[in-house]
Amino acid sequence: MNLCTSRALGLALGSAADRLLGDPARFHPVAGFGRVAGALEQRAWAPTRPRGAAYTLVLVGGTTGLGLLADRASRTHPLARTAVTALATWAVLGGTSLDREGRAVAALLEADRLPEARQRLTHLVGRDTRTLTAGEVARAVVESVAENTSDAVVAPLVLGAVAGVPGLVGYRAANTLDAMVGHRSERYAAFGWASARLDDVLNLPGSRLTALLAAGLGPDPRGALRAWRRDAAGHPSPNAGPVEASFAGALGLRLGGTNTYGTRVEHRPEMGDGRSPTAYDVTPALALARRIDLAAAALAAAYALARSWRRARPGAEPRADPGAGTLVP
């Protein structure tokens, strides 16, 4: 079993662990990274882009470096490489947690427990939820499911397939920093710029693959592609736009509208031609997200296996493995 085969098996096992077990209940490495990042921010913050870029470089670069060390340490032991990749994949994926939170909000809405649904929604979104109507809560859940299917599942799997453990953990570090300091506010407008832009770049392939899978696996492929082509550019995020538009078109919904973030109000263009979401539209959105999760895991593992088979062909030239920093025959 060569390194790419180990990577494929590790990605598949890690994806299965996330689906079956969800996030680790204690000592979650992403939570630990967040605590380190928060402590460093208190010392490093300044209202300048260079200071924020240095902060991002130290944290994302350091995390990626640790992933590279783990890859190198296991490069001569395929079973160890499989285990390390599986653990990293399990740690960085968040599909099951997203599913649980979405179902919890939907259940509260269906039981007419709107105040509790608003509070539970804060686990999924950064917008102000205190005055949202039931329909607005449902819209927020569907939008979050769409965006986080890309951010928390598909994008890390893409980078894991290409670059192994360094790609997995480096992506999750960048995405976590974007959530912490990359949003638009007076404090983070300059300091969080580098984190936000790095996350945008790393999410580009994953978001497009997510939008394609939403179109291919949803009930209305033509509607998904039409909404993506027509409406995605109006979204303020270059990556959330294609994903949310494709989900809207695939599910026959209309997403977008006014969102409040503290003192900042965003008026987002509508995406899709359907009706406004209700509590009963969350379940189909989550079902579509689960299908996308499974397809993305299969594609990531297949890509890694294809690289393995290509390198195993007689006469194939050895190539550098970006995840291991060494030549793989």
C-alpha atoms as a PDB file:
ATOM      1  CA  MET A   1       0.000   0.000   0.000  1.00  0.00           C
ATOM      2  CA  ASN A   2       1.640   3.267  -1.144  1.00  0.00           C
ATOM      3  CA  LEU A   3       1.190   6.743   0.272  1.00  0.00           C
ATOM      4  CA  CYS A   4      -1.642   7.837  -2.009  1.00  0.00           C
ATOM      5  CA  THR A   5      -3.564   4.644  -1.268  1.00  0.00           C
ATOM      6  CA  SER A   6      -3.071   5.345   2.446  1.00  0.00           C
ATOM      7  CA  ARG A   7      -4.353   8.864   1.896  1.00  0.00           C
ATOM      8  CA  ALA A   8      -7.468   7.618   0.089  1.00  0.00           C
ATOM      9  CA  LEU A   9      -8.234   5.112   2.826  1.00  0.00           C
ATOM     10  CA  GLY A  10      -7.618   7.712   5.538  1.00  0.00           C
ATOM     11  CA  LEU A  11      -9.969  10.202   3.902  1.00  0.00           C
ATOM     12  CA  ALA A  12     -12.680   7.550   3.617  1.00  0.00           C
ATOM     13  CA  LEU A  13     -12.264   6.390   7.223  1.00  0.00           C
ATOM     14  CA  GLY A  14     -12.178   9.942   8.581  1.00  0.00           C
ATOM     15  CA  SER A  15     -15.334  10.843   6.655  1.00  0.00           C
ATOM     16  CA  ALA A  16     -17.065   7.743   8.004  1.00  0.00           C
ATOM     17  CA  ALA A  17     -15.984   8.656  11.546  1.00  0.00           C
ATOM     18  CA  ASP A  18     -17.492  12.114  11.186  1.00  0.00           C
ATOM     19  CA  ARG A  19     -20.723  10.650   9.865  1.00  0.00           C
ATOM     20  CA  LEU A  20     -20.972   8.026  12.628  1.00  0.00           C
ATOM     21  CA  LEU A  21     -19.475   9.862  15.612  1.00  0.00           C
ATOM     22  CA  GLY A  22     -19.645  13.581  14.922  1.00  0.00           C
ATOM     23  CA  ASP A  23     -17.136  15.935  16.506  1.00  0.00           C
ATOM     24  CA  PRO A  24     -15.044  14.742  19.470  1.00  0.00           C
ATOM     25  CA  ALA A  25     -16.941  15.572  22.658  1.00  0.00           C
ATOM     26  CA  ARG A  26     -13.810  16.693  24.521  1.00  0.00           C
ATOM     27  CA  PHE A  27     -10.394  18.004  23.579  1.00  0.00           C
ATOM     28  CA  HIS A  28     -11.463  18.982  20.086  1.00  0.00           C
ATOM     29  CA  PRO A  29      -8.298  20.132  18.265  1.00  0.00           C
ATOM     30  CA  VAL A  30     -10.155  22.873  16.393  1.00  0.00           C
ATOM     31  CA  ALA A  31     -11.412  24.297  19.690  1.00  0.00           C
ATOM     32  CA  GLY A  32      -7.867  24.151  21.007  1.00  0.00           C
ATOM     33  CA  PHE A  33      -6.604  26.000  17.953  1.00  0.00           C
ATOM     34  CA  GLY A  34      -9.284  28.623  18.520  1.00  0.00           C
ATOM     35  CA  ARG A  35      -8.107  29.197  22.074  1.00  0.00           C
ATOM     36  CA  VAL A  36      -4.512  29.615  20.913  1.00  0.00           C
ATOM     37  CA  ALA A  37      -5.607  31.989  18.142  1.00  0.00           C
ATOM     38  CA  GLY A  38      -7.682  34.040  20.588  1.00  0.00           C
ATOM     39  CA  ALA A  39      -4.796  34.347  23.028  1.00  0.00           C
ATOM     40  CA  LEU A  40      -2.396  35.380  20.261  1.00  0.00           C
ATOM     41  CA  GLU A  41      -4.887  37.928  18.950  1.00  0.00           C
ATOM     42  CA  GLN A  42      -4.885  39.690  22.322  1.00  0.00           C
ATOM     43  CA  ARG A  43      -1.131  40.207  21.986  1.00  0.00           C
ATOM     44  CA  ALA A  44      -0.853  40.773  18.232  1.00  0.00           C
ATOM     45  CA  TRP A  45      -3.922  42.852  17.339  1.00  0.00           C
ATOM     46  CA  ALA A  46      -3.416  46.177  15.624  1.00  0.00           C
ATOM     47  CA  PRO A  47      -5.688  47.959  13.105  1.00  0.00           C
ATOM     48  CA  THR A  48      -3.347  47.210  10.182  1.00  0.00           C
ATOM     49  CA  ARG A  49      -3.239  44.646   7.382  1.00  0.00           C
ATOM     50  CA  PRO A  50       0.468  43.774   7.878  1.00  0.00           C
ATOM     51  CA  ARG A  51      -0.105  42.856  11.509  1.00  0.00           C
ATOM     52  CA  GLY A  52      -3.120  40.729  10.559  1.00  0.00           C
ATOM     53  CA  ALA A  53      -1.172  39.054   7.748  1.00  0.00           C
ATOM     54  CA  ALA A  54       1.615  38.134  10.161  1.00  0.00           C
ATOM     55  CA  TYR A  55      -0.955  36.738  12.594  1.00  0.00           C
ATOM     56  CA  THR A  56      -2.474  34.621   9.829  1.00  0.00           C
ATOM     57  CA  LEU A  57       0.925  33.436   8.584  1.00  0.00           C
ATOM     58  CA  VAL A  58       2.055  32.329  12.033  1.00  0.00           C
ATOM     59  CA  LEU A  59      -1.109  30.387  12.827  1.00  0.00           C
ATOM     60  CA  VAL A  60      -1.912  28.870   9.429  1.00  0.00           C
ATOM     61  CA  GLY A  61       1.738  28.325   8.565  1.00  0.00           C
ATOM     62  CA  GLY A  62       2.463  26.761  11.942  1.00  0.00           C
ATOM     63  CA  THR A  63      -0.534  24.430  11.727  1.00  0.00           C
ATOM     64  CA  THR A  64       0.319  23.408   8.171  1.00  0.00           C
ATOM     65  CA  GLY A  65       3.903  22.782   9.272  1.00  0.00           C
ATOM     66  CA  LEU A  66       2.719  20.457  12.037  1.00  0.00           C
ATOM     67  CA  GLY A  67       0.654  18.593   9.468  1.00  0.00           C
ATOM     68  CA  LEU A  68       3.695  18.291   7.223  1.00  0.00           C
ATOM     69  CA  LEU A  69       5.752  16.879  10.108  1.00  0.00           C
ATOM     70  CA  ALA A  70       3.051  14.295  10.795  1.00  0.00           C
ATOM     71  CA  ASP A  71       3.011  13.341   7.112  1.00  0.00           C
ATOM     72  CA  ARG A  72       6.783  12.994   6.975  1.00  0.00           C
ATOM     73  CA  ALA A  73       6.952  10.990  10.187  1.00  0.00           C
ATOM     74  CA  SER A  74       4.558   8.423   8.707  1.00  0.00           C
ATOM     75  CA  ARG A  75       5.842   8.397   5.138  1.00  0.00           C
ATOM     76  CA  THR A  76       7.497   4.970   5.444  1.00  0.00           C
ATOM     77  CA  HIS A  77       4.581   3.432   7.353  1.00  0.00           C
ATOM     78  CA  PRO A  78       1.412   3.253   5.227  1.00  0.00           C
ATOM     79  CA  LEU A  79      -0.805   2.098   8.095  1.00  0.00           C
ATOM     80  CA  ALA A  80       0.397   4.979  10.254  1.00  0.00           C
ATOM     81  CA  ARG A  81      -0.211   7.365   7.337  1.00  0.00           C
ATOM     82  CA  THR A  82      -3.741   6.006   7.035  1.00  0.00           C
ATOM     83  CA  ALA A  83      -4.387   6.514  10.760  1.00  0.00           C
ATOM     84  CA  VAL A  84      -2.959  10.037  10.798  1.00  0.00           C
ATOM     85  CA  THR A  85      -4.999  11.028   7.738  1.00  0.00           C
ATOM     86  CA  ALA A  86      -8.171   9.503   9.192  1.00  0.00           C
ATOM     87  CA  LEU A  87      -7.728  11.339  12.494  1.00  0.00           C
ATOM     88  CA  ALA A  88      -7.049  14.655  10.749  1.00  0.00           C
ATOM     89  CA  THR A  89     -10.063  14.181   8.467  1.00  0.00           C
ATOM     90  CA  TRP A  90     -12.332  13.378  11.400  1.00  0.00           C
ATOM     91  CA  ALA A  91     -11.060  16.402  13.319  1.00  0.00           C
ATOM     92  CA  VAL A  92     -11.575  18.942  10.524  1.00  0.00           C
ATOM     93  CA  LEU A  93     -14.932  17.773   9.106  1.00  0.00           C
ATOM     94  CA  GLY A  94     -18.163  19.112  10.572  1.00  0.00           C
ATOM     95  CA  GLY A  95     -20.935  17.551   8.528  1.00  0.00           C
ATOM     96  CA  THR A  96     -22.607  15.618  11.326  1.00  0.00           C
ATOM     97  CA  SER A  97     -22.535  18.555  13.746  1.00  0.00           C
ATOM     98  CA  LEU A  98     -24.088  20.744  11.040  1.00  0.00           C
ATOM     99  CA  ASP A  99     -26.802  18.142  10.482  1.00  0.00           C
ATOM    100  CA  ARG A 100     -27.577  17.892  14.200  1.00  0.00           C
ATOM    101  CA  GLU A 101     -27.842  21.635  14.676  1.00  0.00           C
ATOM    102  CA  GLY A 102     -30.024  22.055  11.603  1.00  0.00           C
ATOM    103  CA  ARG A 103     -32.388  19.316  12.740  1.00  0.00           C
ATOM    104  CA  ALA A 104     -32.566  20.806  16.234  1.00  0.00           C
ATOM    105  CA  VAL A 105     -33.637  24.214  14.928  1.00  0.00           C
ATOM    106  CA  ALA A 106     -36.158  22.652  12.551  1.00  0.00           C
ATOM    107  CA  ALA A 107     -37.700  20.618  15.362  1.00  0.00           C
ATOM    108  CA  LEU A 108     -38.137  23.734  17.502  1.00  0.00           C
ATOM    109  CA  LEU A 109     -39.743  25.591  14.604  1.00  0.00           C
ATOM    110  CA  GLU A 110     -42.125  22.731  13.882  1.00  0.00           C
ATOM    111  CA  ALA A 111     -43.124  22.737  17.567  1.00  0.00           C
ATOM    112  CA  ASP A 112     -43.857  26.506  17.421  1.00  0.00           C
ATOM    113  CA  ARG A 113     -41.036  27.230  19.888  1.00  0.00           C
ATOM    114  CA  LEU A 114     -39.731  30.271  18.038  1.00  0.00           C
ATOM    115  CA  PRO A 115     -37.736  31.928  20.877  1.00  0.00           C
ATOM    116  CA  GLU A 116     -35.826  28.688  21.460  1.00  0.00           C
ATOM    117  CA  ALA A 117     -35.292  28.229  17.723  1.00  0.00           C
ATOM    118  CA  ARG A 118     -33.822  31.736  17.516  1.00  0.00           C
ATOM    119  CA  GLN A 119     -31.422  30.944  20.344  1.00  0.00           C
ATOM    120  CA  ARG A 120     -30.382  27.571  18.891  1.00  0.00           C
ATOM    121  CA  LEU A 121     -29.804  29.236  15.515  1.00  0.00           C
ATOM    122  CA  THR A 122     -26.900  31.186  17.048  1.00  0.00           C
ATOM    123  CA  HIS A 123     -24.952  27.906  16.929  1.00  0.00           C
ATOM    124  CA  LEU A 124     -25.105  28.086  13.126  1.00  0.00           C
ATOM    125  CA  VAL A 125     -25.007  31.750  12.072  1.00  0.00           C
ATOM    126  CA  GLY A 126     -23.399  35.016  13.085  1.00  0.00           C
ATOM    127  CA  ARG A 127     -26.396  37.207  12.281  1.00  0.00           C
ATOM    128  CA  ASP A 128     -28.645  38.728  14.935  1.00  0.00           C
ATOM    129  CA  THR A 129     -31.431  36.197  15.503  1.00  0.00           C
ATOM    130  CA  ARG A 130     -33.441  37.924  18.257  1.00  0.00           C
ATOM    131  CA  THR A 131     -36.227  39.338  16.079  1.00  0.00           C
ATOM    132  CA  LEU A 132     -36.314  36.830  13.213  1.00  0.00           C
ATOM    133  CA  THR A 133     -39.651  35.403  12.111  1.00  0.00           C
ATOM    134  CA  ALA A 134     -40.083  31.657  11.759  1.00  0.00           C
ATOM    135  CA  GLY A 135     -39.578  31.956   8.001  1.00  0.00           C
ATOM    136  CA  GLU A 136     -36.410  33.980   8.464  1.00  0.00           C
ATOM    137  CA  VAL A 137     -35.065  31.384  10.890  1.00  0.00           C
ATOM    138  CA  ALA A 138     -35.783  28.655   8.326  1.00  0.00           C
ATOM    139  CA  ARG A 139     -34.029  30.678   5.609  1.00  0.00           C
ATOM    140  CA  ALA A 140     -31.008  31.173   7.849  1.00  0.00           C
ATOM    141  CA  VAL A 141     -30.763  27.432   8.500  1.00  0.00           C
ATOM    142  CA  VAL A 142     -30.940  26.533   4.804  1.00  0.00           C
ATOM    143  CA  GLU A 143     -28.346  29.175   3.931  1.00  0.00           C
ATOM    144  CA  SER A 144     -26.049  27.961   6.706  1.00  0.00           C
ATOM    145  CA  VAL A 145     -26.454  24.332   5.660  1.00  0.00           C
ATOM    146  CA  ALA A 146     -25.529  25.249   2.091  1.00  0.00           C
ATOM    147  CA  GLU A 147     -22.496  27.369   2.986  1.00  0.00           C
ATOM    148  CA  ASN A 148     -21.172  25.061   5.687  1.00  0.00           C
ATOM    149  CA  THR A 149     -21.540  21.959   3.550  1.00  0.00           C
ATOM    150  CA  SER A 150     -18.846  23.573   1.445  1.00  0.00           C
ATOM    151  CA  ASP A 151     -16.789  25.080   4.281  1.00  0.00           C
ATOM    152  CA  ALA A 152     -16.943  22.198   6.743  1.00  0.00           C
ATOM    153  CA  VAL A 153     -16.966  19.174   4.435  1.00  0.00           C
ATOM    154  CA  VAL A 154     -16.273  19.553   0.731  1.00  0.00           C
ATOM    155  CA  ALA A 155     -13.474  22.142   0.793  1.00  0.00           C
ATOM    156  CA  PRO A 156     -11.334  20.309   3.377  1.00  0.00           C
ATOM    157  CA  LEU A 157     -11.821  17.017   1.520  1.00  0.00           C
ATOM    158  CA  VAL A 158     -10.652  18.628  -1.732  1.00  0.00           C
ATOM    159  CA  LEU A 159      -7.480  19.953  -0.112  1.00  0.00           C
ATOM    160  CA  GLY A 160      -6.968  16.698   1.762  1.00  0.00           C
ATOM    161  CA  ALA A 161      -7.123  14.753  -1.487  1.00  0.00           C
ATOM    162  CA  VAL A 162      -4.567  17.068  -3.090  1.00  0.00           C
ATOM    163  CA  ALA A 163      -2.187  17.731  -0.189  1.00  0.00           C
ATOM    164  CA  GLY A 164      -2.950  15.211   2.538  1.00  0.00           C
ATOM    165  CA  VAL A 165      -2.757  16.067   6.226  1.00  0.00           C
ATOM    166  CA  PRO A 166      -1.114  19.492   5.656  1.00  0.00           C
ATOM    167  CA  GLY A 167      -3.968  20.433   3.338  1.00  0.00           C
ATOM    168  CA  LEU A 168      -6.603  19.273   5.817  1.00  0.00           C
ATOM    169  CA  VAL A 169      -5.263  21.021   8.904  1.00  0.00           C
ATOM    170  CA  GLY A 170      -4.028  24.111   7.071  1.00  0.00           C
ATOM    171  CA  TYR A 171      -7.452  24.623   5.547  1.00  0.00           C
ATOM    172  CA  ARG A 172      -9.220  24.231   8.879  1.00  0.00           C
ATOM    173  CA  ALA A 173      -6.838  26.728  10.502  1.00  0.00           C
ATOM    174  CA  ALA A 174      -7.531  29.311   7.785  1.00  0.00           C
ATOM    175  CA  ASN A 175     -11.285  28.721   7.921  1.00  0.00           C
ATOM    176  CA  THR A 176     -11.341  29.038  11.718  1.00  0.00           C
ATOM    177  CA  LEU A 177      -9.429  32.312  11.576  1.00  0.00           C
ATOM    178  CA  ASP A 178     -11.876  33.638   8.997  1.00  0.00           C
ATOM    179  CA  ALA A 179     -14.739  32.861  11.391  1.00  0.00           C
ATOM    180  CA  MET A 180     -12.904  34.554  14.253  1.00  0.00           C
ATOM    181  CA  VAL A 181     -11.418  37.683  12.662  1.00  0.00           C
ATOM    182  CA  GLY A 182     -12.408  37.657   8.988  1.00  0.00           C
ATOM    183  CA  HIS A 183     -15.840  39.252   9.306  1.00  0.00           C
ATOM    184  CA  ARG A 184     -16.551  42.877   8.529  1.00  0.00           C
ATOM    185  CA  SER A 185     -16.390  44.987  11.657  1.00  0.00           C
ATOM    186  CA  GLU A 186     -14.501  48.022  12.832  1.00  0.00           C
ATOM    187  CA  ARG A 187     -12.062  45.902  14.843  1.00  0.00           C
ATOM    188  CA  TYR A 188     -11.294  43.400  12.088  1.00  0.00           C
ATOM    189  CA  ALA A 189     -11.652  45.439   8.890  1.00  0.00           C
ATOM    190  CA  ALA A 190      -7.860  45.626   8.479  1.00  0.00           C
ATOM    191  CA  PHE A 191      -6.558  43.008  10.912  1.00  0.00           C
ATOM    192  CA  GLY A 192      -8.797  40.250   9.550  1.00  0.00           C
ATOM    193  CA  TRP A 193      -8.293  41.072   5.870  1.00  0.00           C
ATOM    194  CA  ALA A 194      -5.578  38.471   5.257  1.00  0.00           C
ATOM    195  CA  SER A 195      -7.515  35.706   7.028  1.00  0.00           C
ATOM    196  CA  ALA A 196     -10.644  36.466   5.011  1.00  0.00           C
ATOM    197  CA  ARG A 197      -8.818  36.573   1.680  1.00  0.00           C
ATOM    198  CA  LEU A 198      -6.891  33.351   2.369  1.00  0.00           C
ATOM    199  CA  ASP A 199     -10.114  31.568   3.245  1.00  0.00           C
ATOM    200  CA  ASP A 200     -11.704  32.860   0.023  1.00  0.00           C
ATOM    201  CA  VAL A 201      -8.847  31.429  -2.052  1.00  0.00           C
ATOM    202  CA  LEU A 202      -8.770  28.050  -0.305  1.00  0.00           C
ATOM    203  CA  ASN A 203     -12.547  27.679  -0.612  1.00  0.00           C
ATOM    204  CA  LEU A 204     -12.740  28.369  -4.344  1.00  0.00           C
ATOM    205  CA  PRO A 205     -12.453  24.750  -5.589  1.00  0.00           C
ATOM    206  CA  GLY A 206     -14.596  23.315  -2.788  1.00  0.00           C
ATOM    207  CA  SER A 207     -17.420  25.793  -3.230  1.00  0.00           C
ATOM    208  CA  ARG A 208     -17.635  25.165  -6.978  1.00  0.00           C
ATOM    209  CA  LEU A 209     -17.630  21.418  -6.450  1.00  0.00           C
ATOM    210  CA  THR A 210     -20.356  21.802  -3.805  1.00  0.00           C
ATOM    211  CA  ALA A 211     -22.493  23.863  -6.187  1.00  0.00           C
ATOM    212  CA  LEU A 212     -22.031  21.248  -8.935  1.00  0.00           C
ATOM    213  CA  LEU A 213     -22.940  18.413  -6.581  1.00  0.00           C
ATOM    214  CA  ALA A 214     -26.006  20.311  -5.352  1.00  0.00           C
ATOM    215  CA  ALA A 215     -27.113  20.617  -8.963  1.00  0.00           C
ATOM    216  CA  GLY A 216     -26.355  16.997  -9.786  1.00  0.00           C
ATOM    217  CA  LEU A 217     -27.829  15.456  -6.634  1.00  0.00           C
ATOM    218  CA  GLY A 218     -30.748  17.837  -6.011  1.00  0.00           C
ATOM    219  CA  PRO A 219     -34.312  17.420  -7.273  1.00  0.00           C
ATOM    220  CA  ASP A 220     -34.024  20.236  -9.863  1.00  0.00           C
ATOM    221  CA  PRO A 221     -30.618  20.263 -11.620  1.00  0.00           C
ATOM    222  CA  ARG A 222     -31.670  22.829 -14.221  1.00  0.00           C
ATOM    223  CA  GLY A 223     -33.065  25.162 -11.576  1.00  0.00           C
ATOM    224  CA  ALA A 224     -29.825  24.864  -9.604  1.00  0.00           C
ATOM    225  CA  LEU A 225     -27.622  25.684 -12.573  1.00  0.00           C
ATOM    226  CA  ARG A 226     -29.886  28.542 -13.624  1.00  0.00           C
ATOM    227  CA  ALA A 227     -29.862  30.129 -10.156  1.00  0.00           C
ATOM    228  CA  TRP A 228     -26.093  29.662  -9.855  1.00  0.00           C
ATOM    229  CA  ARG A 229     -25.415  31.314 -13.192  1.00  0.00           C
ATOM    230  CA  ARG A 230     -27.857  34.166 -12.672  1.00  0.00           C
ATOM    231  CA  ASP A 231     -27.817  34.938  -8.941  1.00  0.00           C
ATOM    232  CA  ALA A 232     -24.503  33.894  -7.365  1.00  0.00           C
ATOM    233  CA  ALA A 233     -22.585  37.037  -8.287  1.00  0.00           C
ATOM    234  CA  GLY A 234     -24.941  39.194  -6.222  1.00  0.00           C
ATOM    235  CA  HIS A 235     -23.851  37.536  -2.984  1.00  0.00           C
ATOM    236  CA  PRO A 236     -21.101  39.386  -1.043  1.00  0.00           C
ATOM    237  CA  SER A 237     -19.107  36.149  -0.685  1.00  0.00           C
ATOM    238  CA  PRO A 238     -17.472  34.714  -3.838  1.00  0.00           C
ATOM    239  CA  ASN A 239     -17.876  31.206  -2.432  1.00  0.00           C
ATOM    240  CA  ALA A 240     -21.144  31.264  -0.495  1.00  0.00           C
ATOM    241  CA  GLY A 241     -22.897  32.784  -3.526  1.00  0.00           C
ATOM    242  CA  PRO A 242     -22.572  29.781  -5.875  1.00  0.00           C
ATOM    243  CA  VAL A 243     -23.393  27.302  -3.128  1.00  0.00           C
ATOM    244  CA  GLU A 244     -26.465  29.086  -1.752  1.00  0.00           C
ATOM    245  CA  ALA A 245     -27.770  29.865  -5.230  1.00  0.00           C
ATOM    246  CA  SER A 246     -27.370  26.240  -6.328  1.00  0.00           C
ATOM    247  CA  PHE A 247     -29.135  24.965  -3.192  1.00  0.00           C
ATOM    248  CA  ALA A 248     -31.947  27.469  -3.719  1.00  0.00           C
ATOM    249  CA  GLY A 249     -32.485  26.422  -7.322  1.00  0.00           C
ATOM    250  CA  ALA A 250     -32.162  22.703  -6.575  1.00  0.00           C
ATOM    251  CA  LEU A 251     -34.712  22.828  -3.750  1.00  0.00           C
ATOM    252  CA  GLY A 252     -37.162  25.220  -5.403  1.00  0.00           C
ATOM    253  CA  LEU A 253     -36.615  27.923  -2.774  1.00  0.00           C
ATOM    254  CA  ARG A 254     -35.837  31.615  -2.659  1.00  0.00           C
ATOM    255  CA  LEU A 255     -32.922  32.601  -0.434  1.00  0.00           C
ATOM    256  CA  GLY A 256     -31.317  35.964   0.336  1.00  0.00           C
ATOM    257  CA  GLY A 257     -32.738  39.060   1.944  1.00  0.00           C
ATOM    258  CA  THR A 258     -31.837  41.342   4.835  1.00  0.00           C
ATOM    259  CA  ASN A 259     -29.440  40.150   7.540  1.00  0.00           C
ATOM    260  CA  THR A 260     -28.307  42.070  10.617  1.00  0.00           C
ATOM    261  CA  TYR A 261     -24.853  41.616  12.124  1.00  0.00           C
ATOM    262  CA  GLY A 262     -24.617  43.759  15.244  1.00  0.00           C
ATOM    263  CA  THR A 263     -24.837  47.328  13.985  1.00  0.00           C
ATOM    264  CA  ARG A 264     -24.284  46.330  10.347  1.00  0.00           C
ATOM    265  CA  VAL A 265     -27.196  45.505   8.024  1.00  0.00           C
ATOM    266  CA  GLU A 266     -26.739  43.628   4.733  1.00  0.00           C
ATOM    267  CA  HIS A 267     -29.370  43.580   1.992  1.00  0.00           C
ATOM    268  CA  ARG A 268     -28.556  40.540  -0.125  1.00  0.00           C
ATOM    269  CA  PRO A 269     -30.168  39.935  -3.524  1.00  0.00           C
ATOM    270  CA  GLU A 270     -32.610  37.068  -3.742  1.00  0.00           C
ATOM    271  CA  MET A 271     -31.414  33.743  -5.159  1.00  0.00           C
ATOM    272  CA  GLY A 272     -33.700  31.210  -6.794  1.00  0.00           C
ATOM    273  CA  ASP A 273     -37.226  31.427  -8.204  1.00  0.00           C
ATOM    274  CA  GLY A 274     -39.152  29.425  -5.620  1.00  0.00           C
ATOM    275  CA  ARG A 275     -41.007  30.179  -2.423  1.00  0.00           C
ATOM    276  CA  SER A 276     -39.639  31.376   0.885  1.00  0.00           C
ATOM    277  CA  PRO A 277     -38.362  28.556   3.139  1.00  0.00           C
ATOM    278  CA  THR A 278     -40.392  27.156   6.015  1.00  0.00           C
ATOM    279  CA  ALA A 279     -39.436  24.814   8.839  1.00  0.00           C
ATOM    280  CA  TYR A 280     -40.341  21.861   6.617  1.00  0.00           C
ATOM    281  CA  ASP A 281     -37.736  22.831   4.012  1.00  0.00           C
ATOM    282  CA  VAL A 282     -34.833  22.277   6.409  1.00  0.00           C
ATOM    283  CA  THR A 283     -35.074  18.475   6.217  1.00  0.00           C
ATOM    284  CA  PRO A 284     -34.753  18.338   2.384  1.00  0.00           C
ATOM    285  CA  ALA A 285     -31.810  20.763   2.584  1.00  0.00           C
ATOM    286  CA  LEU A 286     -30.087  18.544   5.146  1.00  0.00           C
ATOM    287  CA  ALA A 287     -30.774  15.458   3.045  1.00  0.00           C
ATOM    288  CA  LEU A 288     -29.169  17.136   0.034  1.00  0.00           C
ATOM    289  CA  ALA A 289     -26.196  18.136   2.198  1.00  0.00           C
ATOM    290  CA  ARG A 290     -25.712  14.521   3.326  1.00  0.00           C
ATOM    291  CA  ARG A 291     -25.705  13.305  -0.270  1.00  0.00           C
ATOM    292  CA  ILE A 292     -23.119  15.952  -1.139  1.00  0.00           C
ATOM    293  CA  ASP A 293     -20.979  14.917   1.849  1.00  0.00           C
ATOM    294  CA  LEU A 294     -20.937  11.281   0.732  1.00  0.00           C
ATOM    295  CA  ALA A 295     -20.221  12.180  -2.891  1.00  0.00           C
ATOM    296  CA  ALA A 296     -17.386  14.525  -1.921  1.00  0.00           C
ATOM    297  CA  ALA A 297     -15.778  11.850   0.281  1.00  0.00           C
ATOM    298  CA  ALA A 298     -16.022   9.318  -2.550  1.00  0.00           C
ATOM    299  CA  LEU A 299     -14.538  11.767  -5.062  1.00  0.00           C
ATOM    300  CA  ALA A 300     -11.682  12.722  -2.718  1.00  0.00           C
ATOM    301  CA  ALA A 301     -10.789   9.093  -2.104  1.00  0.00           C
ATOM    302  CA  ALA A 302     -11.107   8.290  -5.825  1.00  0.00           C
ATOM    303  CA  TYR A 303      -8.791  11.169  -6.730  1.00  0.00           C
ATOM    304  CA  ALA A 304      -6.151   9.935  -4.294  1.00  0.00           C
ATOM    305  CA  LEU A 305      -6.500   6.372  -5.605  1.00  0.00           C
ATOM    306  CA  ALA A 306      -6.196   7.575  -9.201  1.00  0.00           C
ATOM    307  CA  ARG A 307      -2.907   9.260  -8.323  1.00  0.00           C
ATOM    308  CA  SER A 308      -1.782   6.000  -6.708  1.00  0.00           C
ATOM    309  CA  TRP A 309      -2.606   3.936  -9.776  1.00  0.00           C
ATOM    310  CA  ARG A 310      -1.018   6.459 -12.119  1.00  0.00           C
ATOM    311  CA  ARG A 311       2.237   6.357 -10.181  1.00  0.00           C
ATOM    312  CA  ALA A 312       2.160   2.557 -10.028  1.00  0.00           C
ATOM    313  CA  ARG A 313       2.080   2.178 -13.826  1.00  0.00           C
ATOM    314  CA  PRO A 314       5.235   0.622 -15.318  1.00  0.00           C
ATOM    315  CA  GLY A 315       7.622   3.342 -16.433  1.00  0.00           C
ATOM    316  CA  ALA A 316       5.861   6.098 -14.489  1.00  0.00           C
ATOM    317  CA  GLU A 317       8.182   8.844 -13.290  1.00  0.00           C
ATOM    318  CA  PRO A 318       8.245   9.585  -9.557  1.00  0.00           C
ATOM    319  CA  ARG A 319       6.604  12.872  -8.612  1.00  0.00           C
ATOM    320  CA  ALA A 320       6.775  15.061  -5.562  1.00  0.00           C
ATOM    321  CA  ASP A 321       3.982  14.446  -3.051  1.00  0.00           C
ATOM    322  CA  PRO A 322       2.827  17.874  -1.820  1.00  0.00           C
ATOM    323  CA  GLY A 323       1.618  16.364   1.420  1.00  0.00           C
ATOM    324  CA  ALA A 324       4.802  14.545   2.301  1.00  0.00           C
ATOM    325  CA  GLY A 325       7.544  16.746   0.926  1.00  0.00           C
ATOM    326  CA  THR A 326       9.249  13.711  -0.634  1.00  0.00           C
ATOM    327  CA  LEU A 327       9.241  11.660  -3.819  1.00  0.00           C
ATOM    328  CA  VAL A 328       6.688   8.896  -4.105  1.00  0.00           C
ATOM    329  CA  PRO A 329       7.369   6.093  -6.569  1.00  0.00           C
END
